[in-house]
All heavy atoms as atom14 arrays in JSON, in Angstrom:
{
  "sequence": "GDDEAAAELSAEELLRAERDQFEGKWLRVVAELDNYRKRARREVVETR",
  "atom14_mask": [
    [1, 1, 1, 1, 0, 0, 0, 0, 0, 0, 0, 0, 0, 0],
    [1, 1, 1, 1, 1, 1, 1, 1, 0, 0, 0, 0, 0, 0],
    [1, 1, 1, 1, 1, 1, 1, 1, 0, 0, 0, 0, 0, 0],
    [1, 1, 1, 1, 1, 1, 1, 1, 1, 0, 0, 0, 0, 0],
    [1, 1, 1, 1, 1, 0, 0, 0, 0, 0, 0, 0, 0, 0],
    [1, 1, 1, 1, 1, 0, 0, 0, 0, 0, 0, 0, 0, 0],
    [1, 1, 1, 1, 1, 0, 0, 0, 0, 0, 0, 0, 0, 0],
    [1, 1, 1, 1, 1, 1, 1, 1, 1, 0, 0, 0, 0, 0],
    [1, 1, 1, 1, 1, 1, 1, 1, 0, 0, 0, 0, 0, 0],
    [1, 1, 1, 1, 1, 1, 0, 0, 0, 0, 0, 0, 0, 0],
    [1, 1, 1, 1, 1, 0, 0, 0, 0, 0, 0, 0, 0, 0],
    [1, 1, 1, 1, 1, 1, 1, 1, 1, 0, 0, 0, 0, 0],
    [1, 1, 1, 1, 1, 1, 1, 1, 1, 0, 0, 0, 0, 0],
    [1, 1, 1, 1, 1, 1, 1, 1, 0, 0, 0, 0, 0, 0],
    [1, 1, 1, 1, 1, 1, 1, 1, 0, 0, 0, 0, 0, 0],
    [1, 1, 1, 1, 1, 1, 1, 1, 1, 1, 1, 0, 0, 0],
    [1, 1, 1, 1, 1, 0, 0, 0, 0, 0, 0, 0, 0, 0],
    [1, 1, 1, 1, 1, 1, 1, 1, 1, 0, 0, 0, 0, 0],
    [1, 1, 1, 1, 1, 1, 1, 1, 1, 1, 1, 0, 0, 0],
    [1, 1, 1, 1, 1, 1, 1, 1, 0, 0, 0, 0, 0, 0],
    [1, 1, 1, 1, 1, 1, 1, 1, 1, 0, 0, 0, 0, 0],
    [1, 1, 1, 1, 1, 1, 1, 1, 1, 1, 1, 0, 0, 0],
    [1, 1, 1, 1, 1, 1, 1, 1, 1, 0, 0, 0, 0, 0],
    [1, 1, 1, 1, 0, 0, 0, 0, 0, 0, 0, 0, 0, 0],
    [1, 1, 1, 1, 1, 1, 1, 1, 1, 0, 0, 0, 0, 0],
    [1, 1, 1, 1, 1, 1, 1, 1, 1, 1, 1, 1, 1, 1],
    [1, 1, 1, 1, 1, 1, 1, 1, 0, 0, 0, 0, 0, 0],
    [1, 1, 1, 1, 1, 1, 1, 1, 1, 1, 1, 0, 0, 0],
    [1, 1, 1, 1, 1, 1, 1, 0, 0, 0, 0, 0, 0, 0],
    [1, 1, 1, 1, 1, 1, 1, 0, 0, 0, 0, 0, 0, 0],
    [1, 1, 1, 1, 1, 0, 0, 0, 0, 0, 0, 0, 0, 0],
    [1, 1, 1, 1, 1, 1, 1, 1, 1, 0, 0, 0, 0, 0],
    [1, 1, 1, 1, 1, 1, 1, 1, 0, 0, 0, 0, 0, 0],
    [1, 1, 1, 1, 1, 1, 1, 1, 0, 0, 0, 0, 0, 0],
    [1, 1, 1, 1, 1, 1, 1, 1, 0, 0, 0, 0, 0, 0],
    [1, 1, 1, 1, 1, 1, 1, 1, 1, 1, 1, 1, 0, 0],
    [1, 1, 1, 1, 1, 1, 1, 1, 1, 1, 1, 0, 0, 0],
    [1, 1, 1, 1, 1, 1, 1, 1, 1, 0, 0, 0, 0, 0],
    [1, 1, 1, 1, 1, 1, 1, 1, 1, 1, 1, 0, 0, 0],
    [1, 1, 1, 1, 1, 0, 0, 0, 0, 0, 0, 0, 0, 0],
    [1, 1, 1, 1, 1, 1, 1, 1, 1, 1, 1, 0, 0, 0],
    [1, 1, 1, 1, 1, 1, 1, 1, 1, 1, 1, 0, 0, 0],
    [1, 1, 1, 1, 1, 1, 1, 1, 1, 0, 0, 0, 0, 0],
    [1, 1, 1, 1, 1, 1, 1, 0, 0, 0, 0, 0, 0, 0],
    [1, 1, 1, 1, 1, 1, 1, 0, 0, 0, 0, 0, 0, 0],
    [1, 1, 1, 1, 1, 1, 1, 1, 1, 0, 0, 0, 0, 0],
    [1, 1, 1, 1, 1, 1, 1, 0, 0, 0, 0, 0, 0, 0],
    [1, 1, 1, 1, 1, 1, 1, 1, 1, 1, 1, 0, 0, 0]
  ],
  "atom14_positions": [
    [[-9.85, 148.13, -87.32], [-9.65, 146.8, -86.74], [-8.66, 145.97, -87.52], [-7.81, 145.28, -86.94], [0.0, 0.0, 0.0], [0.0, 0.0, 0.0], [0.0, 0.0, 0.0], [0.0, 0.0, 0.0], [0.0, 0.0, 0.0], [0.0, 0.0, 0.0], [0.0, 0.0, 0.0], [0.0, 0.0, 0.0], [0.0, 0.0, 0.0], [0.0, 0.0, 0.0]],
    [[-8.73, 146.05, -88.85], [-7.79, 145.3, -89.69], [-6.36, 145.81, -89.47], [-5.42, 145.02, -89.39], [-8.18, 145.43, -91.16], [-9.49, 144.72, -91.46], [-9.87, 143.84, -90.64], [-10.13, 145.03, -92.48], [0.0, 0.0, 0.0], [0.0, 0.0, 0.0], [0.0, 0.0, 0.0], [0.0, 0.0, 0.0], [0.0, 0.0, 0.0], [0.0, 0.0, 0.0]],
    [[-6.2, 147.13, -89.4], [-4.86, 147.68, -89.18], [-4.31, 147.25, -87.82], [-3.13, 146.92, -87.69], [-4.92, 149.21, -89.26], [-5.24, 149.69, -90.67], [-5.05, 148.9, -91.62], [-5.7, 150.85, -90.82], [0.0, 0.0, 0.0], [0.0, 0.0, 0.0], [0.0, 0.0, 0.0], [0.0, 0.0, 0.0], [0.0, 0.0, 0.0], [0.0, 0.0, 0.0]],
    [[-5.18, 147.25, -86.81], [-4.73, 146.85, -85.46], [-4.33, 145.38, -85.44], [-3.32, 145.0, -84.84], [-5.84, 147.12, -84.46], [-5.44, 146.83, -83.01], [-6.55, 147.18, -82.04], [-7.59, 147.71, -82.49], [-6.36, 146.93, -80.84], [0.0, 0.0, 0.0], [0.0, 0.0, 0.0], [0.0, 0.0, 0.0], [0.0, 0.0, 0.0], [0.0, 0.0, 0.0]],
    [[-5.12, 144.52, -86.11], [-4.79, 143.08, -86.17], [-3.48, 142.86, -86.9], [-2.64, 142.05, -86.5], [-5.92, 142.32, -86.85], [0.0, 0.0, 0.0], [0.0, 0.0, 0.0], [0.0, 0.0, 0.0], [0.0, 0.0, 0.0], [0.0, 0.0, 0.0], [0.0, 0.0, 0.0], [0.0, 0.0, 0.0], [0.0, 0.0, 0.0], [0.0, 0.0, 0.0]],
    [[-3.3, 143.6, -88.0], [-2.05, 143.47, -88.75], [-0.86, 143.91, -87.9], [0.21, 143.31, -87.93], [-2.12, 144.29, -90.04], [0.0, 0.0, 0.0], [0.0, 0.0, 0.0], [0.0, 0.0, 0.0], [0.0, 0.0, 0.0], [0.0, 0.0, 0.0], [0.0, 0.0, 0.0], [0.0, 0.0, 0.0], [0.0, 0.0, 0.0], [0.0, 0.0, 0.0]],
    [[-1.04, 145.0, -87.13], [0.05, 145.48, -86.26], [0.38, 144.45, -85.2], [1.55, 144.19, -84.9], [-0.35, 146.81, -85.64], [0.0, 0.0, 0.0], [0.0, 0.0, 0.0], [0.0, 0.0, 0.0], [0.0, 0.0, 0.0], [0.0, 0.0, 0.0], [0.0, 0.0, 0.0], [0.0, 0.0, 0.0], [0.0, 0.0, 0.0], [0.0, 0.0, 0.0]],
    [[-0.67, 143.83, -84.6], [-0.44, 142.8, -83.59], [0.29, 141.6, -84.18], [1.22, 141.05, -83.58], [-1.76, 142.37, -82.96], [-2.4, 143.46, -82.1], [-3.72, 143.0, -81.52], [-4.15, 141.87, -81.86], [-4.33, 143.74, -80.73], [0.0, 0.0, 0.0], [0.0, 0.0, 0.0], [0.0, 0.0, 0.0], [0.0, 0.0, 0.0], [0.0, 0.0, 0.0]],
    [[-0.1, 141.17, -85.38], [0.55, 140.04, -86.04], [2.01, 140.36, -86.36], [2.89, 139.53, -86.17], [-0.21, 139.68, -87.32], [0.31, 138.45, -88.09], [0.25, 137.21, -87.22], [-0.5, 138.25, -89.37], [0.0, 0.0, 0.0], [0.0, 0.0, 0.0], [0.0, 0.0, 0.0], [0.0, 0.0, 0.0], [0.0, 0.0, 0.0], [0.0, 0.0, 0.0]],
    [[2.26, 141.57, -86.83], [3.63, 141.95, -87.15], [4.5, 141.97, -85.89], [5.63, 141.52, -85.9], [3.63, 143.34, -87.81], [4.95, 143.76, -88.07], [0.0, 0.0, 0.0], [0.0, 0.0, 0.0], [0.0, 0.0, 0.0], [0.0, 0.0, 0.0], [0.0, 0.0, 0.0], [0.0, 0.0, 0.0], [0.0, 0.0, 0.0], [0.0, 0.0, 0.0]],
    [[3.96, 142.46, -84.78], [4.71, 142.48, -83.52], [4.99, 141.07, -83.03], [6.08, 140.76, -82.54], [3.93, 143.26, -82.47], [0.0, 0.0, 0.0], [0.0, 0.0, 0.0], [0.0, 0.0, 0.0], [0.0, 0.0, 0.0], [0.0, 0.0, 0.0], [0.0, 0.0, 0.0], [0.0, 0.0, 0.0], [0.0, 0.0, 0.0], [0.0, 0.0, 0.0]],
    [[4.02, 140.17, -83.18], [4.21, 138.79, -82.76], [5.3, 138.1, -83.6], [6.15, 137.38, -83.06], [2.9, 138.02, -82.89], [2.99, 136.57, -82.4], [1.65, 135.86, -82.51], [0.65, 136.52, -82.89], [1.62, 134.65, -82.23], [0.0, 0.0, 0.0], [0.0, 0.0, 0.0], [0.0, 0.0, 0.0], [0.0, 0.0, 0.0], [0.0, 0.0, 0.0]],
    [[5.27, 138.33, -84.91], [6.31, 137.76, -85.77], [7.68, 138.31, -85.42], [8.68, 137.59, -85.44], [5.97, 138.05, -87.24], [4.75, 137.31, -87.74], [4.41, 137.68, -89.17], [5.02, 138.65, -89.67], [3.54, 137.03, -89.78], [0.0, 0.0, 0.0], [0.0, 0.0, 0.0], [0.0, 0.0, 0.0], [0.0, 0.0, 0.0], [0.0, 0.0, 0.0]],
    [[7.74, 139.59, -85.09], [9.02, 140.2, -84.71], [9.56, 139.59, -83.43], [10.75, 139.25, -83.33], [8.84, 141.71, -84.55], [10.09, 142.51, -84.15], [11.18, 142.35, -85.2], [9.75, 143.97, -83.94], [0.0, 0.0, 0.0], [0.0, 0.0, 0.0], [0.0, 0.0, 0.0], [0.0, 0.0, 0.0], [0.0, 0.0, 0.0], [0.0, 0.0, 0.0]],
    [[8.69, 139.41, -82.46], [9.11, 138.78, -81.19], [9.56, 137.34, -81.42], [10.54, 136.89, -80.82], [7.95, 138.83, -80.19], [7.58, 140.21, -79.64], [6.34, 140.13, -78.77], [8.75, 140.79, -78.85], [0.0, 0.0, 0.0], [0.0, 0.0, 0.0], [0.0, 0.0, 0.0], [0.0, 0.0, 0.0], [0.0, 0.0, 0.0], [0.0, 0.0, 0.0]],
    [[8.84, 136.62, -82.29], [9.22, 135.24, -82.57], [10.59, 135.18, -83.25], [11.43, 134.33, -82.94], [8.17, 134.58, -83.46], [8.4, 133.08, -83.66], [7.34, 132.45, -84.54], [6.03, 132.51, -83.93], [5.03, 133.28, -84.36], [5.2, 134.07, -85.43], [3.87, 133.29, -83.74], [0.0, 0.0, 0.0], [0.0, 0.0, 0.0], [0.0, 0.0, 0.0]],
    [[10.83, 136.11, -84.17], [12.14, 136.14, -84.85], [13.26, 136.47, -83.86], [14.34, 135.86, -83.91], [12.1, 137.18, -85.99], [0.0, 0.0, 0.0], [0.0, 0.0, 0.0], [0.0, 0.0, 0.0], [0.0, 0.0, 0.0], [0.0, 0.0, 0.0], [0.0, 0.0, 0.0], [0.0, 0.0, 0.0], [0.0, 0.0, 0.0], [0.0, 0.0, 0.0]],
    [[13.01, 137.42, -82.96], [14.02, 137.76, -81.96], [14.27, 136.58, -81.03], [15.42, 136.31, -80.65], [13.56, 138.98, -81.16], [13.57, 140.27, -81.97], [13.11, 141.45, -81.13], [12.67, 141.21, -79.99], [13.19, 142.59, -81.62], [0.0, 0.0, 0.0], [0.0, 0.0, 0.0], [0.0, 0.0, 0.0], [0.0, 0.0, 0.0], [0.0, 0.0, 0.0]],
    [[13.2, 135.88, -80.66], [13.37, 134.7, -79.8], [14.22, 133.64, -80.49], [15.15, 133.09, -79.87], [12.0, 134.11, -79.48], [12.04, 132.89, -78.57], [10.81, 132.06, -78.73], [10.69, 131.53, -80.08], [9.62, 130.9, -80.55], [8.56, 130.72, -79.78], [9.6, 130.44, -81.79], [0.0, 0.0, 0.0], [0.0, 0.0, 0.0], [0.0, 0.0, 0.0]],
    [[13.94, 133.37, -81.77], [14.72, 132.38, -82.5], [16.18, 132.81, -82.62], [17.1, 131.98, -82.53], [14.12, 132.16, -83.9], [12.73, 131.55, -83.84], [12.4, 130.95, -82.79], [11.97, 131.68, -84.82], [0.0, 0.0, 0.0], [0.0, 0.0, 0.0], [0.0, 0.0, 0.0], [0.0, 0.0, 0.0], [0.0, 0.0, 0.0], [0.0, 0.0, 0.0]],
    [[16.4, 134.1, -82.82], [17.77, 134.61, -82.95], [18.54, 134.43, -81.64], [19.67, 133.94, -81.63], [17.74, 136.08, -83.35], [19.13, 136.69, -83.55], [19.05, 138.15, -83.96], [17.98, 138.73, -83.99], [20.19, 138.74, -84.25], [0.0, 0.0, 0.0], [0.0, 0.0, 0.0], [0.0, 0.0, 0.0], [0.0, 0.0, 0.0], [0.0, 0.0, 0.0]],
    [[17.91, 134.82, -80.52], [18.58, 134.67, -79.23], [18.77, 133.19, -78.86], [19.78, 132.83, -78.25], [17.77, 135.38, -78.15], [17.91, 136.87, -78.17], [16.81, 137.69, -78.34], [19.16, 137.46, -78.02], [16.95, 139.06, -78.38], [19.3, 138.84, -78.05], [18.19, 139.65, -78.23], [0.0, 0.0, 0.0], [0.0, 0.0, 0.0], [0.0, 0.0, 0.0]],
    [[17.81, 132.36, -79.24], [17.96, 130.94, -78.96], [19.13, 130.34, -79.74], [19.91, 129.55, -79.2], [16.67, 130.19, -79.34], [16.71, 128.7, -79.01], [15.41, 128.01, -79.36], [14.5, 128.67, -79.92], [15.29, 126.81, -79.08], [0.0, 0.0, 0.0], [0.0, 0.0, 0.0], [0.0, 0.0, 0.0], [0.0, 0.0, 0.0], [0.0, 0.0, 0.0]],
    [[19.28, 130.74, -81.01], [20.42, 130.27, -81.79], [21.74, 130.73, -81.21], [22.7, 129.95, -81.12], [0.0, 0.0, 0.0], [0.0, 0.0, 0.0], [0.0, 0.0, 0.0], [0.0, 0.0, 0.0], [0.0, 0.0, 0.0], [0.0, 0.0, 0.0], [0.0, 0.0, 0.0], [0.0, 0.0, 0.0], [0.0, 0.0, 0.0], [0.0, 0.0, 0.0]],
    [[21.8, 132.0, -80.78], [23.03, 132.5, -80.16], [23.33, 131.75, -78.87], [24.48, 131.4, -78.59], [22.9, 134.0, -79.88], [22.89, 134.87, -81.11], [22.82, 136.34, -80.74], [22.85, 137.23, -81.97], [22.75, 138.66, -81.62], [0.0, 0.0, 0.0], [0.0, 0.0, 0.0], [0.0, 0.0, 0.0], [0.0, 0.0, 0.0], [0.0, 0.0, 0.0]],
    [[22.3, 131.49, -78.09], [22.49, 130.78, -76.83], [23.01, 129.37, -77.07], [23.91, 128.91, -76.37], [21.17, 130.73, -76.07], [21.25, 130.02, -74.76], [21.77, 130.48, -73.59], [20.79, 128.69, -74.49], [21.68, 129.53, -72.61], [21.09, 128.42, -73.14], [20.17, 127.71, -75.26], [20.77, 127.21, -72.54], [19.86, 126.5, -74.66], [20.16, 126.26, -73.32]],
    [[22.45, 128.68, -78.06], [22.91, 127.33, -78.36], [24.37, 127.34, -78.83], [25.14, 126.44, -78.46], [22.01, 126.71, -79.44], [20.58, 126.39, -79.01], [19.76, 125.88, -80.19], [20.57, 125.35, -77.87], [0.0, 0.0, 0.0], [0.0, 0.0, 0.0], [0.0, 0.0, 0.0], [0.0, 0.0, 0.0], [0.0, 0.0, 0.0], [0.0, 0.0, 0.0]],
    [[24.75, 128.33, -79.62], [26.14, 128.42, -80.07], [27.09, 128.68, -78.91], [28.18, 128.1, -78.83], [26.29, 129.53, -81.14], [25.74, 129.14, -82.5], [26.2, 130.12, -83.55], [25.69, 131.45, -83.33], [24.52, 131.9, -83.78], [23.74, 131.1, -84.49], [24.15, 133.15, -83.55], [0.0, 0.0, 0.0], [0.0, 0.0, 0.0], [0.0, 0.0, 0.0]],
    [[26.67, 129.55, -78.0], [27.51, 129.84, -76.83], [27.66, 128.6, -75.96], [28.76, 128.29, -75.46], [26.9, 131.01, -76.01], [27.62, 131.16, -74.67], [27.0, 132.31, -76.8], [0.0, 0.0, 0.0], [0.0, 0.0, 0.0], [0.0, 0.0, 0.0], [0.0, 0.0, 0.0], [0.0, 0.0, 0.0], [0.0, 0.0, 0.0], [0.0, 0.0, 0.0]],
    [[26.57, 127.86, -75.77], [26.63, 126.63, -74.97], [27.56, 125.61, -75.62], [28.37, 124.96, -74.94], [25.21, 126.04, -74.78], [25.29, 124.65, -74.17], [24.37, 126.95, -73.89], [0.0, 0.0, 0.0], [0.0, 0.0, 0.0], [0.0, 0.0, 0.0], [0.0, 0.0, 0.0], [0.0, 0.0, 0.0], [0.0, 0.0, 0.0], [0.0, 0.0, 0.0]],
    [[27.46, 125.47, -76.95], [28.33, 124.52, -77.65], [29.79, 124.94, -77.55], [30.68, 124.1, -77.33], [27.9, 124.42, -79.13], [0.0, 0.0, 0.0], [0.0, 0.0, 0.0], [0.0, 0.0, 0.0], [0.0, 0.0, 0.0], [0.0, 0.0, 0.0], [0.0, 0.0, 0.0], [0.0, 0.0, 0.0], [0.0, 0.0, 0.0], [0.0, 0.0, 0.0]],
    [[30.06, 126.24, -77.71], [31.44, 126.72, -77.6], [31.99, 126.51, -76.19], [33.15, 126.15, -76.01], [31.5, 128.2, -77.98], [31.26, 128.46, -79.46], [31.23, 129.94, -79.78], [31.37, 130.74, -78.82], [31.07, 130.29, -80.96], [0.0, 0.0, 0.0], [0.0, 0.0, 0.0], [0.0, 0.0, 0.0], [0.0, 0.0, 0.0], [0.0, 0.0, 0.0]],
    [[31.14, 126.74, -75.18], [31.58, 126.54, -73.8], [31.87, 125.07, -73.53], [32.86, 124.73, -72.87], [30.5, 127.05, -72.84], [30.8, 126.91, -71.34], [32.07, 127.67, -70.98], [29.63, 127.4, -70.51], [0.0, 0.0, 0.0], [0.0, 0.0, 0.0], [0.0, 0.0, 0.0], [0.0, 0.0, 0.0], [0.0, 0.0, 0.0], [0.0, 0.0, 0.0]],
    [[31.03, 124.18, -74.07], [31.26, 122.76, -73.89], [32.56, 122.32, -74.57], [33.34, 121.54, -74.01], [30.07, 121.97, -74.45], [30.17, 120.49, -74.18], [30.29, 120.09, -73.01], [30.17, 119.71, -75.15], [0.0, 0.0, 0.0], [0.0, 0.0, 0.0], [0.0, 0.0, 0.0], [0.0, 0.0, 0.0], [0.0, 0.0, 0.0], [0.0, 0.0, 0.0]],
    [[32.79, 122.83, -75.78], [34.04, 122.5, -76.48], [35.26, 123.03, -75.72], [36.3, 122.37, -75.66], [34.02, 123.08, -77.9], [33.0, 122.38, -78.79], [32.68, 121.21, -78.57], [32.5, 123.09, -79.77], [0.0, 0.0, 0.0], [0.0, 0.0, 0.0], [0.0, 0.0, 0.0], [0.0, 0.0, 0.0], [0.0, 0.0, 0.0], [0.0, 0.0, 0.0]],
    [[35.12, 124.23, -75.16], [36.23, 124.8, -74.38], [36.52, 123.94, -73.16], [37.69, 123.69, -72.84], [35.88, 126.22, -73.95], [36.85, 126.79, -72.95], [38.11, 127.24, -73.34], [36.5, 126.88, -71.6], [39.0, 127.76, -72.42], [37.39, 127.38, -70.67], [38.63, 127.83, -71.08], [39.52, 128.32, -70.17], [0.0, 0.0, 0.0], [0.0, 0.0, 0.0]],
    [[35.48, 123.48, -72.48], [35.69, 122.63, -71.3], [36.37, 121.33, -71.67], [37.3, 120.88, -70.98], [34.34, 122.34, -70.63], [33.74, 123.55, -69.9], [32.36, 123.22, -69.38], [31.8, 124.34, -68.63], [30.55, 124.38, -68.18], [29.73, 123.34, -68.42], [30.12, 125.43, -67.5], [0.0, 0.0, 0.0], [0.0, 0.0, 0.0], [0.0, 0.0, 0.0]],
    [[35.93, 120.73, -72.77], [36.55, 119.48, -73.2], [38.01, 119.7, -73.59], [38.88, 118.9, -73.24], [35.79, 118.9, -74.39], [34.4, 118.39, -74.03], [33.69, 117.85, -75.26], [32.3, 117.33, -74.9], [31.58, 116.83, -76.11], [0.0, 0.0, 0.0], [0.0, 0.0, 0.0], [0.0, 0.0, 0.0], [0.0, 0.0, 0.0], [0.0, 0.0, 0.0]],
    [[38.27, 120.79, -74.33], [39.64, 121.1, -74.73], [40.52, 121.38, -73.53], [41.67, 120.91, -73.46], [39.63, 122.29, -75.69], [41.01, 122.62, -76.26], [40.9, 123.62, -77.38], [40.31, 124.87, -76.96], [39.07, 125.27, -77.27], [38.29, 124.5, -78.0], [38.61, 126.44, -76.84], [0.0, 0.0, 0.0], [0.0, 0.0, 0.0], [0.0, 0.0, 0.0]],
    [[39.98, 122.14, -72.55], [40.76, 122.44, -71.34], [41.03, 121.16, -70.55], [42.13, 120.98, -70.01], [40.01, 123.45, -70.48], [0.0, 0.0, 0.0], [0.0, 0.0, 0.0], [0.0, 0.0, 0.0], [0.0, 0.0, 0.0], [0.0, 0.0, 0.0], [0.0, 0.0, 0.0], [0.0, 0.0, 0.0], [0.0, 0.0, 0.0], [0.0, 0.0, 0.0]],
    [[40.04, 120.26, -70.51], [40.24, 119.0, -69.79], [41.31, 118.15, -70.46], [42.16, 117.54, -69.78], [38.92, 118.24, -69.72], [38.91, 117.06, -68.75], [37.56, 116.38, -68.72], [36.54, 117.3, -68.23], [35.53, 117.74, -68.95], [35.41, 117.37, -70.22], [34.63, 118.54, -68.43], [0.0, 0.0, 0.0], [0.0, 0.0, 0.0], [0.0, 0.0, 0.0]],
    [[41.28, 118.1, -71.79], [42.31, 117.35, -72.52], [43.7, 117.95, -72.3], [44.68, 117.22, -72.14], [41.98, 117.32, -74.01], [40.84, 116.39, -74.38], [40.83, 116.14, -75.88], [40.72, 117.36, -76.64], [39.57, 117.9, -77.05], [38.43, 117.3, -76.73], [39.55, 119.02, -77.75], [0.0, 0.0, 0.0], [0.0, 0.0, 0.0], [0.0, 0.0, 0.0]],
    [[43.75, 119.28, -72.32], [45.04, 119.93, -72.12], [45.6, 119.66, -70.72], [46.8, 119.46, -70.56], [44.9, 121.44, -72.34], [44.66, 121.82, -73.8], [44.43, 123.3, -73.97], [44.37, 124.01, -72.94], [44.31, 123.76, -75.13], [0.0, 0.0, 0.0], [0.0, 0.0, 0.0], [0.0, 0.0, 0.0], [0.0, 0.0, 0.0], [0.0, 0.0, 0.0]],
    [[44.71, 119.64, -69.73], [45.16, 119.34, -68.37], [45.69, 117.91, -68.29], [46.74, 117.65, -67.7], [44.01, 119.55, -67.36], [44.37, 118.99, -65.99], [43.67, 121.03, -67.24], [0.0, 0.0, 0.0], [0.0, 0.0, 0.0], [0.0, 0.0, 0.0], [0.0, 0.0, 0.0], [0.0, 0.0, 0.0], [0.0, 0.0, 0.0], [0.0, 0.0, 0.0]],
    [[44.95, 116.97, -68.92], [45.37, 115.57, -68.9], [46.71, 115.41, -69.62], [47.62, 114.72, -69.13], [44.29, 114.68, -69.55], [44.81, 113.26, -69.74], [43.04, 114.66, -68.68], [0.0, 0.0, 0.0], [0.0, 0.0, 0.0], [0.0, 0.0, 0.0], [0.0, 0.0, 0.0], [0.0, 0.0, 0.0], [0.0, 0.0, 0.0], [0.0, 0.0, 0.0]],
    [[46.85, 116.06, -70.78], [48.09, 115.95, -71.53], [49.27, 116.58, -70.77], [50.37, 116.03, -70.75], [47.93, 116.62, -72.9], [47.04, 115.85, -73.87], [47.6, 114.5, -74.21], [48.83, 114.39, -74.37], [46.82, 113.55, -74.33], [0.0, 0.0, 0.0], [0.0, 0.0, 0.0], [0.0, 0.0, 0.0], [0.0, 0.0, 0.0], [0.0, 0.0, 0.0]],
    [[49.01, 117.72, -70.16], [50.08, 118.38, -69.39], [50.53, 117.5, -68.24], [51.74, 117.33, -67.98], [49.59, 119.73, -68.86], [49.18, 120.56, -69.95], [50.68, 120.43, -68.07], [0.0, 0.0, 0.0], [0.0, 0.0, 0.0], [0.0, 0.0, 0.0], [0.0, 0.0, 0.0], [0.0, 0.0, 0.0], [0.0, 0.0, 0.0], [0.0, 0.0, 0.0]],
    [[49.57, 116.91, -67.55], [49.91, 116.02, -66.44], [50.65, 114.78, -66.94], [51.61, 114.32, -66.31], [48.63, 115.61, -65.72], [48.82, 114.77, -64.48], [47.48, 114.43, -63.88], [46.72, 115.64, -63.56], [45.43, 115.64, -63.26], [44.76, 114.49, -63.27], [44.82, 116.77, -62.97], [0.0, 0.0, 0.0], [0.0, 0.0, 0.0], [0.0, 0.0, 0.0]]
  ]
}
């Protein structure tokens, strides 16, 4: 029972770490996309 509980806890921690990792990547991608949109909008305005 102790080994099974430890295995379940380890799997939960692994899933939580993967979730945090993917969340961080997602936030970085969203920020980069927002910066790209702003930069593209400025470039369009400047070109015009």
